């Protein structure tokens, strides 16, 4: 316990002795994690919005007007047995005519002497199939049935949504990787400067029999502390911005950022991991 307490104190002392290099690393970590935190929330909410919009995509299956009630009933039972489908709504020709009147303000029988609207089914897929591949697969299956005249869905809009989703994920991952790498390198350089400044002390410690682990521990603690401090500053800034956004600007931009305590805990742990990784990288090269 005495050795452990000594190593922890050395880590704090090293952080205090580093002065500008540690302060610079902490500032960079803070800025990086702020960007990552805002980017995460923005990407999360964007993807949630995309999923919400995609969940509204239905497939309209139009049957031939010559379909008999028995054939329609059998087709409905077949749809009900498909595991990919969550809900089914049958729209009779009379219901379609009433819907036409509500949407266009015209009675179909005032335009034509008969009802040309076919019987149809509107199906909604289960969440795991609410994507372009899933919808195309189901549409292809039902379109191959002779009773079906046409299966329609908003393909172009769905393609655009999935393309936007891919771009969002790619951008977030790229920025995350870049900022993480920059933070690790800066922490490593800060620790290197500390090691170089104390190289004579380290050499003396080796001469008197200090192990690499004993020498390494204070620097690892110092790097981890830099990460924790930067992450705490970033968490405070993000919390203030979200508080201001949710309480004073919500009526203007119609957006509410919802984050839990786990979000801030994750930020702090991530900052500590950044610091530990950077210091590990620096001390490993020096001890070799």
Protein backbone atom coordinates (compact mmCIF):
# COMPACT_ATOMS: atom_id res chain seq x y z
CA UNK A 1 0.00 0.00 0.00
CA UNK A 2 2.89 2.33 0.75
CA UNK A 3 4.37 1.75 -2.69
CA UNK A 4 0.97 2.23 -4.35
CA UNK A 5 0.38 5.50 -2.52
CA UNK A 6 3.88 6.67 -3.47
CA UNK A 7 3.23 5.92 -7.16
CA UNK A 8 -0.11 7.76 -7.11
CA UNK A 9 1.51 10.82 -5.48
CA UNK A 10 4.26 10.73 -8.09
CA UNK A 11 1.61 10.70 -10.81
CA UNK A 12 -0.02 13.83 -9.36
CA UNK A 13 3.36 15.50 -8.88
CA UNK A 14 4.30 14.72 -12.45
CA UNK A 15 1.08 16.32 -13.64
CA UNK A 16 1.84 19.46 -11.59
CA UNK A 17 5.46 19.59 -12.81
CA UNK A 18 4.52 19.27 -16.48
CA UNK A 19 2.93 22.71 -16.46
CA UNK A 20 2.29 23.88 -20.02
CA UNK A 21 2.60 20.51 -21.75
CA UNK A 22 -0.03 18.92 -19.51
CA UNK A 23 -2.28 21.96 -19.74
CA UNK A 24 -2.05 21.87 -23.53
CA UNK A 25 -2.89 18.16 -23.60
CA UNK A 26 -5.86 18.68 -21.27
CA UNK A 27 -7.17 21.51 -23.46
CA UNK A 28 -6.90 19.35 -26.58
CA UNK A 29 -8.61 16.42 -24.86
CA UNK A 30 -11.37 18.74 -23.65
CA UNK A 31 -11.98 20.16 -27.13
CA UNK A 32 -11.84 16.73 -28.74
CA UNK A 33 -14.31 15.19 -26.31
CA UNK A 34 -16.64 18.19 -26.63
CA UNK A 35 -16.74 17.66 -30.39
CA UNK A 36 -17.16 13.91 -29.95
CA UNK A 37 -19.92 14.40 -27.37
CA UNK A 38 -21.92 16.79 -29.52
CA UNK A 39 -21.25 14.65 -32.59
CA UNK A 40 -22.48 11.53 -30.81
CA UNK A 41 -25.74 13.15 -29.69
CA UNK A 42 -26.34 14.71 -33.11
CA UNK A 43 -25.64 11.43 -34.92
CA UNK A 44 -27.76 9.45 -32.44
CA UNK A 45 -30.75 11.76 -32.86
CA UNK A 46 -30.31 11.90 -36.63
CA UNK A 47 -30.29 8.12 -36.91
CA UNK A 48 -33.28 7.92 -34.56
CA UNK A 49 -35.14 10.35 -36.81
CA UNK A 50 -34.22 8.31 -39.89
CA UNK A 51 -35.46 5.13 -38.21
CA UNK A 52 -38.66 6.88 -37.15
CA UNK A 53 -39.32 8.06 -40.70
CA UNK A 54 -38.45 4.67 -42.13
CA UNK A 55 -40.86 3.03 -39.68
CA UNK A 56 -43.68 4.88 -41.43
CA UNK A 57 -42.93 3.21 -44.74
CA UNK A 58 -45.74 0.88 -45.74
CA UNK A 59 -46.10 -1.36 -48.74
CA UNK A 60 -49.37 -1.00 -50.64
CA UNK A 61 -50.40 -4.18 -52.42
CA UNK A 62 -53.06 -3.66 -55.09
CA UNK A 63 -55.01 -6.68 -56.25
CA UNK A 64 -56.74 -7.14 -59.57
CA UNK A 65 -60.26 -5.73 -59.62
CA UNK A 66 -61.49 -9.18 -60.63
CA UNK A 67 -60.34 -10.72 -57.33
CA UNK A 68 -63.14 -12.60 -55.56
CA UNK A 69 -63.84 -12.31 -51.80
CA UNK A 70 -62.55 -15.86 -51.30
CA UNK A 71 -59.29 -15.05 -53.10
CA UNK A 72 -58.89 -11.82 -51.12
CA UNK A 73 -59.48 -13.67 -47.85
CA UNK A 74 -56.95 -16.38 -48.79
CA UNK A 75 -54.38 -13.75 -49.76
CA UNK A 76 -54.88 -11.94 -46.44
CA UNK A 77 -54.31 -15.19 -44.53
CA UNK A 78 -51.11 -15.79 -46.50
CA UNK A 79 -49.82 -12.32 -45.56
CA UNK A 80 -50.67 -12.97 -41.91
CA UNK A 81 -48.46 -16.06 -41.95
CA UNK A 82 -45.38 -14.14 -43.14
CA UNK A 83 -42.98 -13.57 -40.24
CA UNK A 84 -41.64 -10.34 -41.73
CA UNK A 85 -44.99 -8.55 -41.52
CA UNK A 86 -46.03 -6.72 -38.35
CA UNK A 87 -49.49 -5.47 -39.30
CA UNK A 88 -51.95 -5.80 -42.18
CA UNK A 89 -54.75 -3.45 -43.19
CA UNK A 90 -57.29 -4.41 -45.82
CA UNK A 91 -58.82 -1.62 -47.90
CA UNK A 92 -61.92 -2.56 -49.83
CA UNK A 93 -62.93 -0.73 -53.05
CA UNK A 94 -65.66 1.11 -51.12
CA UNK A 95 -63.17 2.18 -48.43
CA UNK A 96 -60.75 3.28 -51.14
CA UNK A 97 -63.51 5.38 -52.74
CA UNK A 98 -64.26 7.02 -49.39
CA UNK A 99 -60.56 7.72 -48.86
CA UNK A 100 -60.38 9.23 -52.35
CA UNK A 101 -63.27 11.54 -51.49
CA UNK A 102 -61.60 12.65 -48.24
CA UNK A 103 -58.26 13.38 -49.89
CA UNK A 104 -59.41 14.98 -53.14
CA UNK A 105 -62.87 16.26 -52.25
CA UNK A 106 -64.43 14.47 -55.20
CA UNK A 107 -66.78 11.53 -55.23
CA UNK A 108 -65.45 8.88 -57.59
CA UNK A 109 -69.01 8.11 -58.70
CA UNK A 110 -69.49 11.74 -59.81
CA UNK A 111 -66.54 11.29 -62.15
CA UNK A 112 -67.20 7.73 -63.34
CA UNK A 113 -70.25 5.51 -63.36
CA UNK A 114 -68.37 2.76 -61.55
CA UNK A 115 -65.69 2.32 -58.91
CA UNK A 116 -62.36 1.57 -60.62
CA UNK A 117 -60.40 1.39 -57.37
CA UNK A 118 -59.08 -2.11 -56.64
CA UNK A 119 -59.04 -3.95 -53.33
CA UNK A 120 -55.70 -3.56 -51.59
CA UNK A 121 -53.68 -4.41 -48.52
CA UNK A 122 -51.34 -2.08 -46.65
CA UNK A 123 -48.63 -3.94 -44.79
CA UNK A 124 -46.10 -2.71 -42.26
CA UNK A 125 -42.96 -4.74 -41.74
CA UNK A 126 -41.29 -5.58 -38.45
CA UNK A 127 -38.48 -3.17 -37.41
CA UNK A 128 -35.66 -5.47 -38.54
CA UNK A 129 -37.11 -5.59 -42.06
CA UNK A 130 -37.82 -1.87 -42.42
CA UNK A 131 -35.00 -1.27 -44.86
CA UNK A 132 -34.58 -1.24 -48.61
CA UNK A 133 -33.46 -4.88 -48.81
CA UNK A 134 -36.31 -6.12 -46.61
CA UNK A 135 -39.01 -4.13 -48.39
CA UNK A 136 -37.73 -5.14 -51.84
CA UNK A 137 -37.70 -8.78 -50.78
CA UNK A 138 -41.31 -8.73 -49.54
CA UNK A 139 -42.47 -6.70 -52.53
CA UNK A 140 -40.83 -9.20 -54.88
CA UNK A 141 -42.54 -12.12 -53.15
CA UNK A 142 -46.05 -10.66 -53.26
CA UNK A 143 -45.60 -9.24 -56.78
CA UNK A 144 -44.98 -12.76 -58.05
CA UNK A 145 -48.50 -13.85 -57.02
CA UNK A 146 -50.95 -13.80 -59.91
CA UNK A 147 -53.67 -12.16 -57.81
CA UNK A 148 -51.45 -9.10 -57.23
CA UNK A 149 -51.55 -6.29 -59.77
CA UNK A 150 -48.86 -4.09 -58.19
CA UNK A 151 -46.87 -3.59 -54.98
CA UNK A 152 -45.91 0.03 -54.35
CA UNK A 153 -43.67 1.78 -51.84
CA UNK A 154 -41.63 4.98 -51.82
CA UNK A 155 -38.43 3.46 -53.11
CA UNK A 156 -36.63 6.67 -54.09
CA UNK A 157 -37.21 8.25 -50.71
CA UNK A 158 -36.09 5.08 -48.93
CA UNK A 159 -32.90 4.94 -51.02
CA UNK A 160 -32.19 8.56 -50.08
CA UNK A 161 -32.74 7.85 -46.38
CA UNK A 162 -30.39 4.87 -46.33
CA UNK A 163 -27.78 6.84 -48.26
CA UNK A 164 -28.03 9.67 -45.72
CA UNK A 165 -27.75 7.18 -42.89
CA UNK A 166 -24.57 5.67 -44.36
CA UNK A 167 -23.02 9.11 -44.83
CA UNK A 168 -23.83 10.03 -41.23
CA UNK A 169 -22.28 6.86 -39.82
CA UNK A 170 -19.17 7.20 -42.01
CA UNK A 171 -18.67 10.85 -41.06
CA UNK A 172 -19.13 10.20 -37.34
CA UNK A 173 -16.73 7.24 -37.38
CA UNK A 174 -14.09 9.20 -39.34
CA UNK A 175 -14.24 12.22 -37.03
CA UNK A 176 -14.24 9.98 -33.96
CA UNK A 177 -11.15 8.09 -35.16
CA UNK A 178 -9.31 11.30 -36.11
CA UNK A 179 -9.96 13.12 -32.83
CA UNK A 180 -9.14 10.01 -30.81
CA UNK A 181 -5.82 9.59 -32.62
CA UNK A 182 -4.91 13.27 -32.19
CA UNK A 183 -5.69 13.12 -28.46
CA UNK A 184 -3.60 9.98 -27.96
CA UNK A 185 -0.63 11.48 -29.82
CA UNK A 186 -0.77 14.72 -27.86
CA UNK A 187 -0.95 12.92 -24.54
CA UNK A 188 1.95 10.71 -25.61
CA UNK A 189 4.02 13.77 -26.54
CA UNK A 190 3.21 15.43 -23.21
CA UNK A 191 4.34 12.34 -21.32
CA UNK A 192 7.47 12.11 -23.49
CA UNK A 193 8.42 15.66 -22.54
CA UNK A 194 8.00 14.77 -18.87
CA UNK A 195 10.10 11.63 -19.32
CA UNK A 196 12.87 13.54 -21.09
CA UNK A 197 12.90 16.16 -18.32
CA UNK A 198 13.26 13.40 -15.73
CA UNK A 199 15.55 11.07 -17.66
CA UNK A 200 18.39 11.49 -15.16
CA UNK A 201 16.11 10.51 -12.27
CA UNK A 202 14.82 7.52 -14.25
CA UNK A 203 18.39 6.41 -15.01
CA UNK A 204 19.28 6.64 -11.33
CA UNK A 205 16.19 4.63 -10.40
CA UNK A 206 17.23 1.91 -12.83
CA UNK A 207 20.73 1.82 -11.36
CA UNK A 208 19.36 1.20 -7.87
CA UNK A 209 17.20 -1.66 -9.14
CA UNK A 210 13.80 -0.08 -9.90
CA UNK A 211 11.73 -2.23 -12.23
CA UNK A 212 10.16 -0.98 -15.45
CA UNK A 213 6.70 -1.32 -13.92
CA UNK A 214 7.71 0.83 -10.94
CA UNK A 215 9.07 3.51 -13.29
CA UNK A 216 6.11 3.23 -15.64
CA UNK A 217 3.30 3.56 -13.08
CA UNK A 218 3.56 7.33 -12.25
CA UNK A 219 3.56 8.25 -15.94
CA UNK A 220 0.53 6.06 -16.63
CA UNK A 221 -1.26 7.70 -13.72
CA UNK A 222 -0.29 11.13 -14.99
CA UNK A 223 -1.60 10.43 -18.49
CA UNK A 224 -4.83 8.96 -17.11
CA UNK A 225 -5.31 12.03 -14.94
CA UNK A 226 -4.90 14.28 -17.98
CA UNK A 227 -7.62 12.30 -19.73
CA UNK A 228 -9.96 12.39 -16.73
CA UNK A 229 -9.51 16.13 -16.19
CA UNK A 230 -10.08 16.92 -19.86
CA UNK A 231 -13.17 14.71 -19.92
CA UNK A 232 -14.58 16.33 -16.77
CA UNK A 233 -14.14 19.81 -18.26
CA UNK A 234 -15.78 18.60 -21.49
CA UNK A 235 -18.70 17.06 -19.56
CA UNK A 236 -19.30 20.30 -17.67
CA UNK A 237 -19.29 22.33 -20.89
CA UNK A 238 -21.62 19.90 -22.68
CA UNK A 239 -24.00 19.81 -19.70
CA UNK A 240 -24.16 23.63 -19.61
CA UNK A 241 -24.84 23.85 -23.35
CA UNK A 242 -27.57 21.20 -23.21
CA UNK A 243 -29.14 22.86 -20.16
CA UNK A 244 -29.24 26.21 -21.96
CA UNK A 245 -30.52 24.55 -25.14
CA UNK A 246 -33.29 22.63 -23.41
CA UNK A 247 -34.46 25.47 -21.15
CA UNK A 248 -34.05 28.61 -23.23
CA UNK A 249 -33.76 27.74 -26.92
CA UNK A 250 -36.16 24.81 -27.27
CA UNK A 251 -39.06 27.00 -28.40
CA UNK A 252 -36.86 28.56 -31.07
CA UNK A 253 -35.24 25.48 -32.64
CA UNK A 254 -37.83 22.84 -31.60
CA UNK A 255 -35.18 20.40 -30.44
CA UNK A 256 -34.47 18.86 -27.06
CA UNK A 257 -31.19 17.10 -26.36
CA UNK A 258 -31.78 14.20 -23.99
CA UNK A 259 -28.73 12.59 -22.41
CA UNK A 260 -28.44 10.42 -19.33
CA UNK A 261 -25.86 10.26 -16.57
CA UNK A 262 -24.43 7.23 -18.34
CA UNK A 263 -23.51 9.51 -21.24
CA UNK A 264 -21.36 11.69 -18.98
CA UNK A 265 -19.93 8.66 -17.20
CA UNK A 266 -18.98 7.23 -20.57
CA UNK A 267 -17.29 10.50 -21.56
CA UNK A 268 -15.20 10.53 -18.38
CA UNK A 269 -14.21 6.88 -18.73
CA UNK A 270 -13.35 7.46 -22.38
CA UNK A 271 -11.15 10.41 -21.41
CA UNK A 272 -9.33 8.28 -18.86
CA UNK A 273 -8.84 5.56 -21.46
CA UNK A 274 -7.42 8.13 -23.90
CA UNK A 275 -4.93 9.31 -21.30
CA UNK A 276 -3.90 5.79 -20.35
CA UNK A 277 -3.44 4.79 -23.99
CA UNK A 278 -1.33 7.84 -24.80
CA UNK A 279 0.90 7.47 -21.76
CA UNK A 280 1.31 3.73 -22.38
CA UNK A 281 2.43 4.48 -25.92
CA UNK A 282 4.99 7.05 -24.74
CA UNK A 283 6.53 5.10 -21.86
CA UNK A 284 6.75 1.86 -23.86
CA UNK A 285 9.00 3.47 -26.48
CA UNK A 286 11.20 5.13 -23.87
CA UNK A 287 11.75 2.03 -21.75
CA UNK A 288 12.73 0.05 -24.82
